[in-house]
Every structure is written in C-alpha cells, then in structure tokens.
Amino acid sequence: MGSNIWQISRIQGSIDRRIGFAVAWKLSAKRNLSSVTNKLPENVTIFSTKISAGQAHLKGVLVQASESSKRGLTLARNSSIDLLMRLTCQSQIKDAMRISGISSIQKIGAFGFALDDEDLGLRIQRVEAVLGRALEREDSLLEMNLAKRKFLRKLHSIPQSFPDSQIADFLLEKSSLLCFSK
C-alpha cells in the first residue's frame, strides 16, 4: 500500500477491514467546489490541504471516525460530513464547510474509506472526475509545513508555547471532544 493508504485494522487492532486513504491535487486555478460535494462517493470528503496537519492527523481522524461509528457516536448522518467535521474540529456542519476552504480552493485534499484496493481506485477516479478540469496529483500537499503550522495555530487558538510536533495530536483530541458537544 502507498504511504497515504492505510489498512484501518492494522492501525487500531480492530476488525475494521476498510482501507483509509488520503490524496491531494493542485488545480490549475482557484475554484469554488461547494456545489460538487454531493457528487462525491460516500465516506469521502474534500478539503483545502492547509487544514490537514499531515498523515498522522488524517490517519487519526479516520481511526476516530471508524471507532465512533462502531459505537454509534457519529457527528452527522452523512459519513462524508462526519469526516469533515472531525477534520475541521467543528460541531456545526456550516462551520466545517466554511473552514474546509472548498469555496475558494486550488490545493485540494480528499480522504476517506474504501472497501478494498479496487474500490479505492474507483473512489479516487470518481473524485478526479468530479473535480474535472486540469489537476495535478501532488500528495505532498498533505504534509505539515511552516505555513500550515501558523494557519492551524491561529485557526484553533493553539498557543505558541505548544510544541509544533504535537499539533496533530492536539487536533485529534479536539475533534474527539466533538461527540460530547453534540
């Protein structure tokens, strides 16, 4: 499996056999993708890559969503929206959509679940078909960098004294608390 593709059962030691994945593209120009979200496959969501704190963050959100689903602790009826709410650490769908950055986006990420390798390929192809127009696959956009650290610190009010190396952990903790705010 590629570096952005994870067998969920291997991560959390559970019986969940789904595959988690994260991919990214650079579009040729900024676009508003708000209207295409309903055309995406179930269990897949799109977002501006600036809101992801790297692979550990994305992988952690998938594990969290998987465990919560088994316990009936979903944040939204739609699993794609549930993933987006967890990624953005927002308890309101409208806020999660706003923070996702999809209304004016050029660097786009997608992540979610697939049943197997064949389903994974079909899901990624479907996202690419929905995105249409000129796009260039660039998974490195998902990784943490200085600009993201600054953006995420401001967005989530993370103090400067908090270690950079623990930002992904902080965001996962914050998203885990969403179940208690519902």
C-alpha atoms as a PDB file:
ATOM      1  CA  MET A   1       0.000   0.000   0.000  1.00  0.00           C
ATOM      2  CA  GLY A   2       1.164   3.551  -0.712  1.00  0.00           C
ATOM      3  CA  SER A   3       2.249   5.956   2.005  1.00  0.00           C
ATOM      4  CA  ASN A   4      -1.169   7.658   2.127  1.00  0.00           C
ATOM      5  CA  ILE A   5      -3.154   4.414   2.163  1.00  0.00           C
ATOM      6  CA  TRP A   6      -3.768   2.641   5.464  1.00  0.00           C
ATOM      7  CA  GLN A   7      -5.443  -0.620   6.462  1.00  0.00           C
ATOM      8  CA  ILE A   8      -7.571   0.588   9.384  1.00  0.00           C
ATOM      9  CA  SER A   9      -7.431  -2.755  11.224  1.00  0.00           C
ATOM     10  CA  ARG A  10      -3.629  -2.585  11.254  1.00  0.00           C
ATOM     11  CA  ILE A  11      -3.704   0.863  12.833  1.00  0.00           C
ATOM     12  CA  GLN A  12      -6.202   0.247  15.584  1.00  0.00           C
ATOM     13  CA  GLY A  13      -6.095  -3.519  16.009  1.00  0.00           C
ATOM     14  CA  SER A  14      -9.806  -3.866  15.270  1.00  0.00           C
ATOM     15  CA  ILE A  15     -11.859  -5.893  12.851  1.00  0.00           C
ATOM     16  CA  ASP A  16     -12.435  -2.897  10.555  1.00  0.00           C
ATOM     17  CA  ARG A  17     -11.108  -4.132   7.212  1.00  0.00           C
ATOM     18  CA  ARG A  18     -11.687  -0.893   5.329  1.00  0.00           C
ATOM     19  CA  ILE A  19      -8.845   0.991   3.737  1.00  0.00           C
ATOM     20  CA  GLY A  20      -8.269   4.607   4.724  1.00  0.00           C
ATOM     21  CA  PHE A  21      -6.702   6.907   2.175  1.00  0.00           C
ATOM     22  CA  ALA A  22      -5.651  10.499   1.578  1.00  0.00           C
ATOM     23  CA  VAL A  23      -4.723  12.086  -1.749  1.00  0.00           C
ATOM     24  CA  ALA A  24      -4.129  15.621  -2.970  1.00  0.00           C
ATOM     25  CA  TRP A  25      -4.145  17.628  -6.167  1.00  0.00           C
ATOM     26  CA  LYS A  26      -3.211  21.088  -7.306  1.00  0.00           C
ATOM     27  CA  LEU A  27      -5.822  22.650  -9.558  1.00  0.00           C
ATOM     28  CA  SER A  28      -4.802  24.936 -12.411  1.00  0.00           C
ATOM     29  CA  ALA A  29      -6.751  27.820 -10.837  1.00  0.00           C
ATOM     30  CA  LYS A  30      -8.812  28.563  -7.726  1.00  0.00           C
ATOM     31  CA  ARG A  31     -12.341  27.195  -7.887  1.00  0.00           C
ATOM     32  CA  ASN A  32     -15.459  27.010  -5.772  1.00  0.00           C
ATOM     33  CA  LEU A  33     -16.122  23.308  -5.201  1.00  0.00           C
ATOM     34  CA  SER A  34     -19.022  23.716  -2.754  1.00  0.00           C
ATOM     35  CA  SER A  35     -21.528  22.511  -5.330  1.00  0.00           C
ATOM     36  CA  VAL A  36     -19.706  19.256  -6.124  1.00  0.00           C
ATOM     37  CA  THR A  37     -19.520  17.774  -2.632  1.00  0.00           C
ATOM     38  CA  ASN A  38     -22.813  15.931  -3.092  1.00  0.00           C
ATOM     39  CA  LYS A  39     -21.333  14.155  -6.145  1.00  0.00           C
ATOM     40  CA  LEU A  40     -18.501  12.587  -4.147  1.00  0.00           C
ATOM     41  CA  PRO A  41     -18.633   8.943  -3.088  1.00  0.00           C
ATOM     42  CA  GLU A  42     -19.995   8.177   0.394  1.00  0.00           C
ATOM     43  CA  ASN A  43     -17.220   8.058   3.042  1.00  0.00           C
ATOM     44  CA  VAL A  44     -15.051  10.530   1.098  1.00  0.00           C
ATOM     45  CA  THR A  45     -14.639  14.243   1.737  1.00  0.00           C
ATOM     46  CA  ILE A  46     -12.630  17.066   0.159  1.00  0.00           C
ATOM     47  CA  PHE A  47     -10.843  19.946   1.862  1.00  0.00           C
ATOM     48  CA  SER A  48      -8.204  22.614   1.447  1.00  0.00           C
ATOM     49  CA  THR A  49      -4.856  20.973   2.188  1.00  0.00           C
ATOM     50  CA  LYS A  50      -3.961  23.845   4.527  1.00  0.00           C
ATOM     51  CA  ILE A  51      -6.257  22.374   7.210  1.00  0.00           C
ATOM     52  CA  SER A  52      -4.505  18.993   7.434  1.00  0.00           C
ATOM     53  CA  ALA A  53      -1.678  18.541   9.910  1.00  0.00           C
ATOM     54  CA  GLY A  54      -0.044  15.718   7.968  1.00  0.00           C
ATOM     55  CA  GLN A  55      -0.524  11.982   7.660  1.00  0.00           C
ATOM     56  CA  ALA A  56      -0.783  11.335  11.410  1.00  0.00           C
ATOM     57  CA  HIS A  57      -3.684  13.795  11.612  1.00  0.00           C
ATOM     58  CA  LEU A  58      -5.576  12.352   8.639  1.00  0.00           C
ATOM     59  CA  LYS A  59      -4.953   8.757   9.706  1.00  0.00           C
ATOM     60  CA  GLY A  60      -6.073   9.620  13.248  1.00  0.00           C
ATOM     61  CA  VAL A  61      -9.314  11.179  12.022  1.00  0.00           C
ATOM     62  CA  LEU A  62     -10.093   8.012  10.044  1.00  0.00           C
ATOM     63  CA  VAL A  63      -9.430   5.775  13.043  1.00  0.00           C
ATOM     64  CA  GLN A  64     -11.517   8.057  15.243  1.00  0.00           C
ATOM     65  CA  ALA A  65     -14.399   8.015  12.756  1.00  0.00           C
ATOM     66  CA  SER A  66     -14.205   4.230  12.468  1.00  0.00           C
ATOM     67  CA  GLU A  67     -14.271   3.683  16.237  1.00  0.00           C
ATOM     68  CA  SER A  68     -17.044   6.241  16.741  1.00  0.00           C
ATOM     69  CA  SER A  69     -19.157   4.683  14.018  1.00  0.00           C
ATOM     70  CA  LYS A  70     -18.937   1.267  15.701  1.00  0.00           C
ATOM     71  CA  ARG A  71     -20.201   2.875  18.916  1.00  0.00           C
ATOM     72  CA  GLY A  72     -22.973   4.826  17.184  1.00  0.00           C
ATOM     73  CA  LEU A  73     -21.300   8.154  18.004  1.00  0.00           C
ATOM     74  CA  THR A  74     -21.405   9.753  14.577  1.00  0.00           C
ATOM     75  CA  LEU A  75     -21.448  13.522  14.272  1.00  0.00           C
ATOM     76  CA  ALA A  76     -23.622  13.568  11.137  1.00  0.00           C
ATOM     77  CA  ARG A  77     -25.874  11.142   9.279  1.00  0.00           C
ATOM     78  CA  ASN A  78     -23.688  11.532   6.203  1.00  0.00           C
ATOM     79  CA  SER A  79     -20.315   9.841   6.759  1.00  0.00           C
ATOM     80  CA  SER A  80     -18.525  12.286   4.440  1.00  0.00           C
ATOM     81  CA  ILE A  81     -19.763  15.228   6.526  1.00  0.00           C
ATOM     82  CA  ASP A  82     -18.794  13.345   9.701  1.00  0.00           C
ATOM     83  CA  LEU A  83     -15.217  13.086   8.405  1.00  0.00           C
ATOM     84  CA  LEU A  84     -15.170  16.775   7.504  1.00  0.00           C
ATOM     85  CA  MET A  85     -16.455  17.807  10.935  1.00  0.00           C
ATOM     86  CA  ARG A  86     -13.764  15.719  12.620  1.00  0.00           C
ATOM     87  CA  LEU A  87     -11.031  17.099  10.351  1.00  0.00           C
ATOM     88  CA  THR A  88     -12.051  20.701  10.992  1.00  0.00           C
ATOM     89  CA  CYS A  89     -12.874  20.115  14.702  1.00  0.00           C
ATOM     90  CA  GLN A  90     -16.288  21.721  14.211  1.00  0.00           C
ATOM     91  CA  SER A  91     -19.601  20.614  15.710  1.00  0.00           C
ATOM     92  CA  GLN A  92     -21.665  22.567  13.170  1.00  0.00           C
ATOM     93  CA  ILE A  93     -21.803  21.443   9.544  1.00  0.00           C
ATOM     94  CA  LYS A  94     -21.937  25.012   8.248  1.00  0.00           C
ATOM     95  CA  ASP A  95     -18.738  25.885  10.149  1.00  0.00           C
ATOM     96  CA  ALA A  96     -16.992  22.720   8.968  1.00  0.00           C
ATOM     97  CA  MET A  97     -17.852  23.556   5.346  1.00  0.00           C
ATOM     98  CA  ARG A  98     -16.556  27.123   5.768  1.00  0.00           C
ATOM     99  CA  ILE A  99     -13.299  26.016   7.388  1.00  0.00           C
ATOM    100  CA  SER A 100     -12.786  23.277   4.796  1.00  0.00           C
ATOM    101  CA  GLY A 101     -11.882  26.056   2.358  1.00  0.00           C
ATOM    102  CA  ILE A 102     -13.646  24.477  -0.610  1.00  0.00           C
ATOM    103  CA  SER A 103     -15.386  27.689  -1.639  1.00  0.00           C
ATOM    104  CA  SER A 104     -12.103  29.087  -2.977  1.00  0.00           C
ATOM    105  CA  ILE A 105      -9.558  26.361  -3.411  1.00  0.00           C
ATOM    106  CA  GLN A 106      -6.559  25.478  -5.540  1.00  0.00           C
ATOM    107  CA  LYS A 107      -4.785  22.873  -3.381  1.00  0.00           C
ATOM    108  CA  ILE A 108      -7.289  20.163  -2.598  1.00  0.00           C
ATOM    109  CA  GLY A 109      -7.149  17.044  -0.487  1.00  0.00           C
ATOM    110  CA  ALA A 110      -9.541  14.128  -0.344  1.00  0.00           C
ATOM    111  CA  PHE A 111      -9.671  11.403   2.231  1.00  0.00           C
ATOM    112  CA  GLY A 112     -11.967   8.681   3.391  1.00  0.00           C
ATOM    113  CA  PHE A 113     -12.625   4.960   3.353  1.00  0.00           C
ATOM    114  CA  ALA A 114     -12.679   2.276   0.671  1.00  0.00           C
ATOM    115  CA  LEU A 115     -13.653  -1.383   0.945  1.00  0.00           C
ATOM    116  CA  ASP A 116     -10.684  -2.829  -0.950  1.00  0.00           C
ATOM    117  CA  ASP A 117      -7.987  -1.908  -3.479  1.00  0.00           C
ATOM    118  CA  GLU A 118     -10.418  -1.945  -6.402  1.00  0.00           C
ATOM    119  CA  ASP A 119     -12.907   0.268  -4.559  1.00  0.00           C
ATOM    120  CA  LEU A 120     -10.047   2.594  -3.596  1.00  0.00           C
ATOM    121  CA  GLY A 121      -9.092   3.095  -7.248  1.00  0.00           C
ATOM    122  CA  LEU A 122     -12.712   3.716  -8.208  1.00  0.00           C
ATOM    123  CA  ARG A 123     -13.195   6.260  -5.405  1.00  0.00           C
ATOM    124  CA  ILE A 124     -10.097   8.228  -6.376  1.00  0.00           C
ATOM    125  CA  GLN A 125     -11.158   8.154 -10.047  1.00  0.00           C
ATOM    126  CA  ARG A 126     -14.619   9.395  -9.050  1.00  0.00           C
ATOM    127  CA  VAL A 127     -13.150  12.307  -7.073  1.00  0.00           C
ATOM    128  CA  GLU A 128     -10.945  13.210 -10.042  1.00  0.00           C
ATOM    129  CA  ALA A 129     -13.962  13.074 -12.364  1.00  0.00           C
ATOM    130  CA  VAL A 130     -15.921  15.353 -10.018  1.00  0.00           C
ATOM    131  CA  LEU A 131     -13.008  17.805  -9.802  1.00  0.00           C
ATOM    132  CA  GLY A 132     -12.739  17.789 -13.583  1.00  0.00           C
ATOM    133  CA  ARG A 133     -10.533  20.245 -15.426  1.00  0.00           C
ATOM    134  CA  ALA A 134      -6.779  20.430 -15.181  1.00  0.00           C
ATOM    135  CA  LEU A 135      -5.464  18.963 -11.969  1.00  0.00           C
ATOM    136  CA  GLU A 136      -2.113  17.582 -10.966  1.00  0.00           C
ATOM    137  CA  ARG A 137      -1.771  14.860  -8.318  1.00  0.00           C
ATOM    138  CA  GLU A 138       0.513  16.113  -5.552  1.00  0.00           C
ATOM    139  CA  ASP A 139       0.158  14.130  -2.306  1.00  0.00           C
ATOM    140  CA  SER A 140       2.989  16.098  -0.683  1.00  0.00           C
ATOM    141  CA  LEU A 141       0.436  18.923  -0.186  1.00  0.00           C
ATOM    142  CA  LEU A 142      -0.972  16.907   2.716  1.00  0.00           C
ATOM    143  CA  GLU A 143       2.221  17.128   4.768  1.00  0.00           C
ATOM    144  CA  MET A 144       2.771  19.635   7.566  1.00  0.00           C
ATOM    145  CA  ASN A 145       4.840  22.723   6.820  1.00  0.00           C
ATOM    146  CA  LEU A 146       5.533  26.112   8.403  1.00  0.00           C
ATOM    147  CA  ALA A 147       2.618  27.892   6.683  1.00  0.00           C
ATOM    148  CA  LYS A 148       0.198  25.201   7.862  1.00  0.00           C
ATOM    149  CA  ARG A 149       1.538  25.356  11.414  1.00  0.00           C
ATOM    150  CA  LYS A 150       0.913  29.089  11.521  1.00  0.00           C
ATOM    151  CA  PHE A 151      -2.544  28.739   9.958  1.00  0.00           C
ATOM    152  CA  LEU A 152      -3.596  25.881  12.257  1.00  0.00           C
ATOM    153  CA  ARG A 153      -2.299  27.658  15.376  1.00  0.00           C
ATOM    154  CA  LYS A 154      -4.392  30.713  14.522  1.00  0.00           C
ATOM    155  CA  LEU A 155      -7.482  28.746  13.417  1.00  0.00           C
ATOM    156  CA  HIS A 156      -7.572  26.583  16.543  1.00  0.00           C
ATOM    157  CA  SER A 157      -6.120  29.133  19.009  1.00  0.00           C
ATOM    158  CA  ILE A 158      -3.097  26.956  19.770  1.00  0.00           C
ATOM    159  CA  PRO A 159      -0.609  28.848  21.966  1.00  0.00           C
ATOM    160  CA  GLN A 160       2.894  29.447  20.592  1.00  0.00           C
ATOM    161  CA  SER A 161       4.307  27.613  23.613  1.00  0.00           C
ATOM    162  CA  PHE A 162       2.605  24.400  22.443  1.00  0.00           C
ATOM    163  CA  PRO A 163       5.157  22.165  20.628  1.00  0.00           C
ATOM    164  CA  ASP A 164       4.902  22.011  16.817  1.00  0.00           C
ATOM    165  CA  SER A 165       5.397  18.249  16.961  1.00  0.00           C
ATOM    166  CA  GLN A 166       2.130  17.826  18.876  1.00  0.00           C
ATOM    167  CA  ILE A 167      -0.233  19.918  16.730  1.00  0.00           C
ATOM    168  CA  ALA A 168      -1.723  16.829  15.040  1.00  0.00           C
ATOM    169  CA  ASP A 169      -2.305  15.242  18.466  1.00  0.00           C
ATOM    170  CA  PHE A 170      -3.939  18.444  19.702  1.00  0.00           C
ATOM    171  CA  LEU A 171      -6.311  18.492  16.726  1.00  0.00           C
ATOM    172  CA  LEU A 172      -7.227  14.829  17.212  1.00  0.00           C
ATOM    173  CA  GLU A 173      -8.005  15.470  20.881  1.00  0.00           C
ATOM    174  CA  LYS A 174     -10.098  18.481  19.944  1.00  0.00           C
ATOM    175  CA  SER A 175     -12.054  16.500  17.358  1.00  0.00           C
ATOM    176  CA  SER A 176     -12.600  13.624  19.807  1.00  0.00           C
ATOM    177  CA  LEU A 177     -14.393  16.060  22.112  1.00  0.00           C
ATOM    178  CA  LEU A 178     -16.980  16.834  19.408  1.00  0.00           C
ATOM    179  CA  CYS A 179     -19.012  13.774  20.395  1.00  0.00           C
ATOM    180  CA  PHE A 180     -19.538  15.333  23.811  1.00  0.00           C
ATOM    181  CA  SER A 181     -20.657  18.662  22.399  1.00  0.00           C
ATOM    182  CA  LYS A 182     -23.444  17.124  20.290  1.00  0.00           C
END
